[in-house]
Amino acid sequence: MKVIIRYPKRREVEVRGRRQLQDVLKELNLNPETFIAIQGKTLLTHDAYLKDDDTIEVLSAISGGA
């Protein structure tokens, strides 16, 4: 699957094999508690299963403010 990570800079990585989102995040050294993933316009839960032909975007769930 193609994973587009948008924090801190935009980068794309390929991950192979059917697996849960939480496992993909851990493999990419991203804490599942601080990142969210979307597929198209759908927010994915950490137990969602992903396939090789999926494309997801991963965003930081933490934001700063003044």
PDB file of N, CA and C in Angstrom:
ATOM      1  N   MET A   1       0.840  -1.173   0.000  1.00  0.00           N
ATOM      2  CA  MET A   1       0.000   0.000   0.000  1.00  0.00           C
ATOM      3  C   MET A   1       0.884   1.234   0.000  1.00  0.00           C
ATOM      4  N   LYS A   2       0.333   2.305  -0.485  1.00  0.00           N
ATOM      5  CA  LYS A   2       1.062   3.565  -0.449  1.00  0.00           C
ATOM      6  C   LYS A   2       0.627   4.317   0.796  1.00  0.00           C
ATOM      7  N   VAL A   3       1.611   4.747   1.585  1.00  0.00           N
ATOM      8  CA  VAL A   3       1.345   5.512   2.799  1.00  0.00           C
ATOM      9  C   VAL A   3       1.966   6.892   2.612  1.00  0.00           C
ATOM     10  N   ILE A   4       1.129   7.911   2.656  1.00  0.00           N
ATOM     11  CA  ILE A   4       1.588   9.293   2.544  1.00  0.00           C
ATOM     12  C   ILE A   4       1.605   9.867   3.955  1.00  0.00           C
ATOM     13  N   ILE A   5       2.792  10.172   4.437  1.00  0.00           N
ATOM     14  CA  ILE A   5       2.951  10.702   5.792  1.00  0.00           C
ATOM     15  C   ILE A   5       3.120  12.211   5.673  1.00  0.00           C
ATOM     16  N   ARG A   6       2.303  12.956   6.382  1.00  0.00           N
ATOM     17  CA  ARG A   6       2.318  14.414   6.277  1.00  0.00           C
ATOM     18  C   ARG A   6       2.863  15.101   7.517  1.00  0.00           C
ATOM     19  N   TYR A   7       3.742  14.426   8.247  1.00  0.00           N
ATOM     20  CA  TYR A   7       4.345  15.054   9.422  1.00  0.00           C
ATOM     21  C   TYR A   7       5.710  14.461   9.658  1.00  0.00           C
ATOM     22  N   PRO A   8       6.754  15.198   9.910  1.00  0.00           N
ATOM     23  CA  PRO A   8       6.801  16.664   9.856  1.00  0.00           C
ATOM     24  C   PRO A   8       6.886  17.187   8.422  1.00  0.00           C
ATOM     25  N   LYS A   9       7.400  16.369   7.502  1.00  0.00           N
ATOM     26  CA  LYS A   9       7.414  16.736   6.084  1.00  0.00           C
ATOM     27  C   LYS A   9       6.677  15.650   5.314  1.00  0.00           C
ATOM     28  N   ARG A  10       6.179  16.007   4.139  1.00  0.00           N
ATOM     29  CA  ARG A  10       5.463  15.031   3.319  1.00  0.00           C
ATOM     30  C   ARG A  10       6.454  14.011   2.751  1.00  0.00           C
ATOM     31  N   ARG A  11       6.122  12.734   2.920  1.00  0.00           N
ATOM     32  CA  ARG A  11       6.912  11.667   2.307  1.00  0.00           C
ATOM     33  C   ARG A  11       5.994  10.499   2.011  1.00  0.00           C
ATOM     34  N   GLU A  12       6.394   9.683   1.057  1.00  0.00           N
ATOM     35  CA  GLU A  12       5.618   8.512   0.679  1.00  0.00           C
ATOM     36  C   GLU A  12       6.448   7.254   0.895  1.00  0.00           C
ATOM     37  N   VAL A  13       5.805   6.234   1.429  1.00  0.00           N
ATOM     38  CA  VAL A  13       6.465   4.946   1.617  1.00  0.00           C
ATOM     39  C   VAL A  13       5.532   3.849   1.132  1.00  0.00           C
ATOM     40  N   GLU A  14       6.098   2.729   0.763  1.00  0.00           N
ATOM     41  CA  GLU A  14       5.334   1.548   0.350  1.00  0.00           C
ATOM     42  C   GLU A  14       5.412   0.512   1.459  1.00  0.00           C
ATOM     43  N   VAL A  15       4.279  -0.078   1.782  1.00  0.00           N
ATOM     44  CA  VAL A  15       4.206  -1.152   2.770  1.00  0.00           C
ATOM     45  C   VAL A  15       3.472  -2.307   2.103  1.00  0.00           C
ATOM     46  N   ARG A  16       4.003  -3.507   2.227  1.00  0.00           N
ATOM     47  CA  ARG A  16       3.419  -4.687   1.589  1.00  0.00           C
ATOM     48  C   ARG A  16       2.667  -5.552   2.582  1.00  0.00           C
ATOM     49  N   GLY A  17       1.625  -6.182   2.103  1.00  0.00           N
ATOM     50  CA  GLY A  17       0.899  -7.161   2.888  1.00  0.00           C
ATOM     51  C   GLY A  17      -0.343  -6.602   3.553  1.00  0.00           C
ATOM     52  N   ARG A  18      -1.346  -7.466   3.691  1.00  0.00           N
ATOM     53  CA  ARG A  18      -2.593  -7.095   4.367  1.00  0.00           C
ATOM     54  C   ARG A  18      -2.332  -7.063   5.866  1.00  0.00           C
ATOM     55  N   ARG A  19      -2.688  -5.937   6.501  1.00  0.00           N
ATOM     56  CA  ARG A  19      -2.492  -5.802   7.944  1.00  0.00           C
ATOM     57  C   ARG A  19      -3.326  -4.672   8.507  1.00  0.00           C
ATOM     58  N   GLN A  20      -3.393  -4.630   9.825  1.00  0.00           N
ATOM     59  CA  GLN A  20      -4.154  -3.582  10.482  1.00  0.00           C
ATOM     60  C   GLN A  20      -3.378  -2.268  10.478  1.00  0.00           C
ATOM     61  N   LEU A  21      -4.140  -1.183  10.472  1.00  0.00           N
ATOM     62  CA  LEU A  21      -3.539   0.148  10.480  1.00  0.00           C
ATOM     63  C   LEU A  21      -2.578   0.318  11.650  1.00  0.00           C
ATOM     64  N   GLN A  22      -2.963  -0.118  12.838  1.00  0.00           N
ATOM     65  CA  GLN A  22      -2.081   0.061  13.998  1.00  0.00           C
ATOM     66  C   GLN A  22      -0.738  -0.627  13.788  1.00  0.00           C
ATOM     67  N   ASP A  23      -0.703  -1.750  13.086  1.00  0.00           N
ATOM     68  CA  ASP A  23       0.554  -2.439  12.809  1.00  0.00           C
ATOM     69  C   ASP A  23       1.399  -1.688  11.782  1.00  0.00           C
ATOM     70  N   VAL A  24       0.724  -1.083  10.796  1.00  0.00           N
ATOM     71  CA  VAL A  24       1.435  -0.273   9.804  1.00  0.00           C
ATOM     72  C   VAL A  24       2.093   0.920  10.491  1.00  0.00           C
ATOM     73  N   LEU A  25       1.352   1.597  11.358  1.00  0.00           N
ATOM     74  CA  LEU A  25       1.903   2.756  12.064  1.00  0.00           C
ATOM     75  C   LEU A  25       3.102   2.362  12.914  1.00  0.00           C
ATOM     76  N   LYS A  26       2.992   1.259  13.633  1.00  0.00           N
ATOM     77  CA  LYS A  26       4.108   0.805  14.464  1.00  0.00           C
ATOM     78  C   LYS A  26       5.323   0.463  13.609  1.00  0.00           C
ATOM     79  N   GLU A  27       5.094  -0.182  12.459  1.00  0.00           N
ATOM     80  CA  GLU A  27       6.198  -0.529  11.564  1.00  0.00           C
ATOM     81  C   GLU A  27       6.928   0.718  11.073  1.00  0.00           C
ATOM     82  N   LEU A  28       6.189   1.798  10.904  1.00  0.00           N
ATOM     83  CA  LEU A  28       6.774   3.059  10.437  1.00  0.00           C
ATOM     84  C   LEU A  28       7.260   3.926  11.600  1.00  0.00           C
ATOM     85  N   ASN A  29       7.305   3.352  12.799  1.00  0.00           N
ATOM     86  CA  ASN A  29       7.737   4.069  14.006  1.00  0.00           C
ATOM     87  C   ASN A  29       6.882   5.299  14.300  1.00  0.00           C
ATOM     88  N   LEU A  30       5.581   5.170  14.053  1.00  0.00           N
ATOM     89  CA  LEU A  30       4.627   6.231  14.342  1.00  0.00           C
ATOM     90  C   LEU A  30       3.715   5.744  15.461  1.00  0.00           C
ATOM     91  N   ASN A  31       3.610   6.498  16.533  1.00  0.00           N
ATOM     92  CA  ASN A  31       2.783   6.122  17.671  1.00  0.00           C
ATOM     93  C   ASN A  31       1.308   6.183  17.273  1.00  0.00           C
ATOM     94  N   PRO A  32       0.589   5.062  17.332  1.00  0.00           N
ATOM     95  CA  PRO A  32      -0.830   5.058  16.953  1.00  0.00           C
ATOM     96  C   PRO A  32      -1.688   6.002  17.790  1.00  0.00           C
ATOM     97  N   GLU A  33      -1.206   6.400  18.959  1.00  0.00           N
ATOM     98  CA  GLU A  33      -1.962   7.320  19.813  1.00  0.00           C
ATOM     99  C   GLU A  33      -1.846   8.772  19.355  1.00  0.00           C
ATOM    100  N   THR A  34      -0.857   9.089  18.533  1.00  0.00           N
ATOM    101  CA  THR A  34      -0.642  10.487  18.139  1.00  0.00           C
ATOM    102  C   THR A  34      -0.811  10.730  16.636  1.00  0.00           C
ATOM    103  N   PHE A  35      -1.234   9.701  15.893  1.00  0.00           N
ATOM    104  CA  PHE A  35      -1.448   9.853  14.456  1.00  0.00           C
ATOM    105  C   PHE A  35      -2.810   9.313  14.062  1.00  0.00           C
ATOM    106  N   ILE A  36      -3.417   9.949  13.061  1.00  0.00           N
ATOM    107  CA  ILE A  36      -4.658   9.453  12.483  1.00  0.00           C
ATOM    108  C   ILE A  36      -4.402   9.146  11.024  1.00  0.00           C
ATOM    109  N   ALA A  37      -5.261   8.319  10.448  1.00  0.00           N
ATOM    110  CA  ALA A  37      -5.119   7.966   9.038  1.00  0.00           C
ATOM    111  C   ALA A  37      -6.453   8.136   8.336  1.00  0.00           C
ATOM    112  N   ILE A  38      -6.373   8.610   7.096  1.00  0.00           N
ATOM    113  CA  ILE A  38      -7.571   8.742   6.279  1.00  0.00           C
ATOM    114  C   ILE A  38      -7.348   8.032   4.949  1.00  0.00           C
ATOM    115  N   GLN A  39      -8.444   7.549   4.404  1.00  0.00           N
ATOM    116  CA  GLN A  39      -8.428   6.929   3.076  1.00  0.00           C
ATOM    117  C   GLN A  39      -9.529   7.615   2.292  1.00  0.00           C
ATOM    118  N   GLY A  40      -9.118   8.449   1.336  1.00  0.00           N
ATOM    119  CA  GLY A  40     -10.093   9.288   0.651  1.00  0.00           C
ATOM    120  C   GLY A  40     -10.614  10.313   1.633  1.00  0.00           C
ATOM    121  N   LYS A  41     -11.923  10.234   1.939  1.00  0.00           N
ATOM    122  CA  LYS A  41     -12.522  11.135   2.929  1.00  0.00           C
ATOM    123  C   LYS A  41     -12.925  10.388   4.199  1.00  0.00           C
ATOM    124  N   THR A  42     -12.467   9.139   4.327  1.00  0.00           N
ATOM    125  CA  THR A  42     -12.857   8.306   5.448  1.00  0.00           C
ATOM    126  C   THR A  42     -11.756   8.237   6.497  1.00  0.00           C
ATOM    127  N   LEU A  43     -12.123   8.545   7.746  1.00  0.00           N
ATOM    128  CA  LEU A  43     -11.206   8.405   8.869  1.00  0.00           C
ATOM    129  C   LEU A  43     -11.144   6.925   9.231  1.00  0.00           C
ATOM    130  N   LEU A  44      -9.940   6.377   9.309  1.00  0.00           N
ATOM    131  CA  LEU A  44      -9.762   4.955   9.593  1.00  0.00           C
ATOM    132  C   LEU A  44      -9.564   4.714  11.079  1.00  0.00           C
ATOM    133  N   THR A  45     -10.124   3.622  11.574  1.00  0.00           N
ATOM    134  CA  THR A  45      -9.868   3.213  12.947  1.00  0.00           C
ATOM    135  C   THR A  45      -8.595   2.379  12.968  1.00  0.00           C
ATOM    136  N   HIS A  46      -7.969   2.281  14.126  1.00  0.00           N
ATOM    137  CA  HIS A  46      -6.697   1.567  14.216  1.00  0.00           C
ATOM    138  C   HIS A  46      -6.827   0.074  13.948  1.00  0.00           C
ATOM    139  N   ASP A  47      -8.042  -0.469  14.031  1.00  0.00           N
ATOM    140  CA  ASP A  47      -8.228  -1.892  13.756  1.00  0.00           C
ATOM    141  C   ASP A  47      -8.651  -2.160  12.312  1.00  0.00           C
ATOM    142  N   ALA A  48      -8.674  -1.110  11.470  1.00  0.00           N
ATOM    143  CA  ALA A  48      -9.021  -1.282  10.058  1.00  0.00           C
ATOM    144  C   ALA A  48      -7.931  -2.089   9.348  1.00  0.00           C
ATOM    145  N   TYR A  49      -8.369  -3.011   8.473  1.00  0.00           N
ATOM    146  CA  TYR A  49      -7.414  -3.782   7.685  1.00  0.00           C
ATOM    147  C   TYR A  49      -7.154  -3.085   6.361  1.00  0.00           C
ATOM    148  N   LEU A  50      -5.882  -3.058   5.955  1.00  0.00           N
ATOM    149  CA  LEU A  50      -5.461  -2.420   4.715  1.00  0.00           C
ATOM    150  C   LEU A  50      -4.875  -3.459   3.780  1.00  0.00           C
ATOM    151  N   LYS A  51      -5.032  -3.207   2.468  1.00  0.00           N
ATOM    152  CA  LYS A  51      -4.536  -4.123   1.440  1.00  0.00           C
ATOM    153  C   LYS A  51      -3.428  -3.458   0.633  1.00  0.00           C
ATOM    154  N   ASP A  52      -2.740  -4.264  -0.172  1.00  0.00           N
ATOM    155  CA  ASP A  52      -1.625  -3.768  -0.979  1.00  0.00           C
ATOM    156  C   ASP A  52      -2.012  -2.626  -1.911  1.00  0.00           C
ATOM    157  N   ASP A  53      -3.241  -2.626  -2.430  1.00  0.00           N
ATOM    158  CA  ASP A  53      -3.618  -1.600  -3.406  1.00  0.00           C
ATOM    159  C   ASP A  53      -4.253  -0.357  -2.767  1.00  0.00           C
ATOM    160  N   ASP A  54      -4.250  -0.267  -1.427  1.00  0.00           N
ATOM    161  CA  ASP A  54      -4.801   0.900  -0.738  1.00  0.00           C
ATOM    162  C   ASP A  54      -3.798   2.048  -0.713  1.00  0.00           C
ATOM    163  N   THR A  55      -4.337   3.258  -0.632  1.00  0.00           N
ATOM    164  CA  THR A  55      -3.534   4.461  -0.400  1.00  0.00           C
ATOM    165  C   THR A  55      -4.133   5.172   0.800  1.00  0.00           C
ATOM    166  N   ILE A  56      -3.294   5.482   1.779  1.00  0.00           N
ATOM    167  CA  ILE A  56      -3.767   6.189   2.963  1.00  0.00           C
ATOM    168  C   ILE A  56      -2.875   7.394   3.227  1.00  0.00           C
ATOM    169  N   GLU A  57      -3.428   8.353   3.958  1.00  0.00           N
ATOM    170  CA  GLU A  57      -2.656   9.505   4.404  1.00  0.00           C
ATOM    171  C   GLU A  57      -2.599   9.470   5.926  1.00  0.00           C
ATOM    172  N   VAL A  58      -1.427   9.726   6.465  1.00  0.00           N
ATOM    173  CA  VAL A  58      -1.219   9.724   7.909  1.00  0.00           C
ATOM    174  C   VAL A  58      -0.892  11.148   8.349  1.00  0.00           C
ATOM    175  N   LEU A  59      -1.644  11.622   9.354  1.00  0.00           N
ATOM    176  CA  LEU A  59      -1.509  12.990   9.836  1.00  0.00           C
ATOM    177  C   LEU A  59      -1.296  12.989  11.333  1.00  0.00           C
ATOM    178  N   SER A  60      -0.604  13.982  11.841  1.00  0.00           N
ATOM    179  CA  SER A  60      -0.424  14.134  13.282  1.00  0.00           C
ATOM    180  C   SER A  60      -1.755  14.524  13.901  1.00  0.00           C
ATOM    181  N   ALA A  61      -2.122  13.869  14.998  1.00  0.00           N
ATOM    182  CA  ALA A  61      -3.371  14.168  15.687  1.00  0.00           C
ATOM    183  C   ALA A  61      -3.170  15.245  16.753  1.00  0.00           C
ATOM    184  N   ILE A  62      -1.947  15.699  16.900  1.00  0.00           N
ATOM    185  CA  ILE A  62      -1.628  16.705  17.904  1.00  0.00           C
ATOM    186  C   ILE A  62      -1.320  18.020  17.202  1.00  0.00           C
ATOM    187  N   SER A  63      -1.934  19.085  17.678  1.00  0.00           N
ATOM    188  CA  SER A  63      -1.647  20.387  17.088  1.00  0.00           C
ATOM    189  C   SER A  63      -1.311  21.372  18.196  1.00  0.00           C
ATOM    190  N   GLY A  64      -0.587  22.373  17.827  1.00  0.00           N
ATOM    191  CA  GLY A  64      -0.216  23.399  18.800  1.00  0.00           C
ATOM    192  C   GLY A  64      -1.126  24.597  18.681  1.00  0.00           C
ATOM    193  N   GLY A  65      -1.031  25.464  19.630  1.00  0.00           N
ATOM    194  CA  GLY A  65      -1.840  26.660  19.592  1.00  0.00           C
ATOM    195  C   GLY A  65      -1.219  27.759  20.444  1.00  0.00           C
ATOM    196  N   ALA A  66      -1.793  28.902  20.334  1.00  0.00           N
ATOM    197  CA  ALA A  66      -1.268  30.034  21.115  1.00  0.00           C
ATOM    198  C   ALA A  66      -2.042  30.212  22.375  1.00  0.00           C
TER     199      ALA A  66
END
